[in-house]
Amino acid sequence: MFIKVSDPKSAEDFKTQTNNGYWVILYYADWCPHCVAMKPEWKLFADKYSSSNKINVAELESQFLDMVGPQHKANVQGFPTIISLNKGSKVANFMGPRTSKDIDMFANSHLSGVTNHSSNLNKILRNNLKKTKKTRKTKKTKKTKKTKKSKKTRSRK
């Protein structure tokens, strides 16, 4: 998905949509020479992922920053700023060279961190469940052996 915030309606869409999924967002200003210089590289990156179902892309011009909420305004210390979000929470700031290749590597490296995090959590939960089941089985087996031993000891007397 691709969102370009260029009016109040797209600002509302941006606020709603960025709370779901993984996003790479460019905050820029039309008057900023650094933003103007990197715009072609950003466009290459955005075009690549505009129809992706894993990485969503958004760009927000500075004049609409007040319309999208304080959490987005807090992400911007200067222009251009590129960040990644997962379900509305900031994952990372992009600090590399402003090339489509580097932005792409940034987006994918943090995407794998987001998905691996949930995969790792699932593995941990499965392992803990297995350990719990083994512990319960071991305790039952020990109790059964103790019960059998004490019955044997009683019967000998």
Protein backbone atom coordinates (compact mmCIF):
# COMPACT_ATOMS: atom_id res chain seq x y z
CA MET A 1 0.00 0.00 0.00
CA PHE A 2 1.14 3.53 -0.71
CA ILE A 3 -0.23 6.72 0.84
CA LYS A 4 0.82 10.22 -0.12
CA VAL A 5 -0.52 12.73 2.37
CA SER A 6 -1.52 15.68 0.21
CA ASP A 7 -4.84 16.82 1.70
CA PRO A 8 -6.93 16.45 4.88
CA LYS A 9 -8.65 13.26 3.63
CA SER A 10 -5.34 11.52 2.91
CA ALA A 11 -4.11 12.70 6.34
CA GLU A 12 -7.07 10.87 7.92
CA ASP A 13 -6.34 7.74 5.85
CA PHE A 14 -2.72 7.94 6.95
CA LYS A 15 -3.67 8.13 10.65
CA THR A 16 -5.95 5.11 10.33
CA GLN A 17 -3.84 2.94 8.06
CA THR A 18 -0.47 3.36 9.82
CA ASN A 19 -1.91 1.72 12.93
CA ASN A 20 -2.06 -1.56 11.00
CA GLY A 21 0.88 -3.40 9.51
CA TYR A 22 4.48 -2.47 8.84
CA TRP A 23 5.24 0.97 7.35
CA VAL A 24 8.19 2.92 6.06
CA ILE A 25 7.38 6.62 6.16
CA LEU A 26 9.11 9.64 4.64
CA TYR A 27 8.50 12.98 6.33
CA TYR A 28 9.68 15.74 3.98
CA ALA A 29 9.34 19.40 3.12
CA ASP A 30 9.02 20.70 -0.43
CA TRP A 31 11.28 23.66 0.44
CA CYS A 32 14.09 21.40 1.78
CA PRO A 33 17.00 20.95 -0.69
CA HIS A 34 17.96 17.60 0.91
CA CYS A 35 14.41 16.32 0.39
CA VAL A 36 14.38 17.49 -3.21
CA ALA A 37 17.73 15.77 -3.83
CA MET A 38 16.62 12.43 -2.39
CA LYS A 39 13.11 12.42 -3.91
CA PRO A 40 14.10 10.39 -7.03
CA GLU A 41 15.67 7.67 -4.84
CA TRP A 42 12.62 7.63 -2.57
CA LYS A 43 10.36 7.33 -5.63
CA LEU A 44 12.28 4.21 -6.78
CA PHE A 45 11.80 2.66 -3.34
CA ALA A 46 8.11 3.69 -3.07
CA ASP A 47 7.31 2.40 -6.57
CA LYS A 48 8.83 -0.98 -5.71
CA TYR A 49 6.61 -1.42 -2.64
CA SER A 50 3.47 0.51 -3.63
CA SER A 51 1.52 -2.74 -4.08
CA SER A 52 3.38 -4.83 -1.49
CA ASN A 53 1.43 -6.68 1.18
CA LYS A 54 4.44 -6.81 3.53
CA ILE A 55 5.88 -3.30 3.42
CA ASN A 56 3.56 -0.31 3.28
CA VAL A 57 4.94 3.05 2.21
CA ALA A 58 3.81 6.56 3.04
CA GLU A 59 5.11 10.05 2.45
CA LEU A 60 3.97 13.05 4.38
CA GLU A 61 4.72 16.67 3.45
CA SER A 62 5.53 18.96 6.38
CA GLN A 63 2.42 21.15 6.00
CA PHE A 64 0.22 18.14 6.92
CA LEU A 65 2.24 17.08 9.97
CA ASP A 66 -0.17 18.77 12.40
CA MET A 67 -3.09 16.83 10.91
CA VAL A 68 -1.76 13.34 11.62
CA GLY A 69 -1.22 13.48 15.36
CA PRO A 70 1.49 14.31 17.87
CA GLN A 71 3.16 10.86 17.71
CA HIS A 72 4.12 11.54 14.09
CA LYS A 73 5.26 15.08 14.79
CA ALA A 74 7.50 13.72 17.56
CA ASN A 75 9.25 11.49 15.00
CA VAL A 76 10.50 14.49 13.01
CA GLN A 77 13.59 16.37 14.15
CA GLY A 78 14.49 17.59 10.65
CA PHE A 79 13.83 16.91 6.98
CA PRO A 80 13.97 14.43 5.41
CA THR A 81 13.16 11.86 8.09
CA ILE A 82 12.49 8.21 7.32
CA ILE A 83 11.17 5.84 9.98
CA SER A 84 9.63 2.40 10.18
CA LEU A 85 6.47 1.70 12.14
CA ASN A 86 4.83 -1.54 13.11
CA LYS A 87 1.16 -1.31 14.06
CA GLY A 88 1.55 2.38 14.88
CA SER A 89 4.66 1.99 17.05
CA LYS A 90 8.01 3.29 15.93
CA VAL A 91 10.53 0.56 15.11
CA ALA A 92 13.56 2.52 13.90
CA ASN A 93 14.96 5.68 12.33
CA PHE A 94 16.73 5.46 8.99
CA MET A 95 20.25 6.85 9.32
CA GLY A 96 21.95 5.60 6.16
CA PRO A 97 22.76 7.03 2.75
CA ARG A 98 19.66 8.33 0.98
CA THR A 99 19.57 5.79 -1.83
CA SER A 100 16.73 3.48 -2.79
CA LYS A 101 19.00 0.47 -2.17
CA ASP A 102 19.84 1.59 1.38
CA ILE A 103 16.23 2.48 2.19
CA ASP A 104 15.22 -0.93 0.84
CA MET A 105 17.80 -2.68 3.06
CA PHE A 106 16.59 -0.64 6.06
CA ALA A 107 12.95 -1.55 5.41
CA ASN A 108 13.64 -5.26 4.99
CA SER A 109 16.06 -5.55 7.89
CA HIS A 110 13.49 -4.13 10.29
CA LEU A 111 10.66 -6.07 8.71
CA SER A 112 12.48 -9.33 9.42
CA GLY A 113 13.04 -8.14 12.98
CA VAL A 114 9.33 -7.50 13.39
CA THR A 115 8.27 -10.86 11.94
CA ASN A 116 11.09 -12.81 13.59
CA HIS A 117 10.16 -11.29 16.91
CA SER A 118 6.69 -12.81 16.75
CA SER A 119 8.07 -16.08 15.38
CA ASN A 120 10.58 -16.23 18.23
CA LEU A 121 7.84 -15.53 20.73
CA ASN A 122 5.80 -18.41 19.31
CA LYS A 123 8.84 -20.73 19.55
CA ILE A 124 9.43 -19.72 23.16
CA LEU A 125 5.79 -20.31 24.05
CA ARG A 126 5.79 -23.73 22.34
CA ASN A 127 9.01 -24.74 24.12
CA ASN A 128 7.63 -23.64 27.49
CA LEU A 129 4.46 -25.61 26.85
CA LYS A 130 6.52 -28.73 26.01
CA LYS A 131 8.62 -28.28 29.16
CA THR A 132 5.48 -27.90 31.27
CA LYS A 133 4.01 -31.08 29.81
CA LYS A 134 7.27 -32.99 30.39
CA THR A 135 7.47 -31.73 33.97
CA ARG A 136 3.91 -32.87 34.64
CA LYS A 137 4.62 -36.29 33.12
CA THR A 138 7.84 -36.63 35.15
CA LYS A 139 6.05 -35.69 38.38
CA LYS A 140 3.27 -38.21 37.66
CA THR A 141 5.83 -40.93 36.89
CA LYS A 142 7.75 -40.21 40.10
CA LYS A 143 4.55 -40.25 42.14
CA THR A 144 3.53 -43.56 40.57
CA LYS A 145 6.96 -45.09 41.32
CA LYS A 146 6.88 -43.81 44.91
CA THR A 147 3.38 -45.20 45.40
CA LYS A 148 4.43 -48.59 44.00
CA LYS A 149 7.54 -48.63 46.20
CA SER A 150 5.62 -47.82 49.34
CA LYS A 151 3.02 -50.49 48.53
CA LYS A 152 5.81 -53.06 48.04
CA THR A 153 7.43 -52.01 51.30
CA ARG A 154 4.12 -52.30 53.16
CA SER A 155 3.34 -55.68 51.67
CA ARG A 156 6.75 -57.08 52.75
CA LYS A 157 6.11 -56.13 56.35
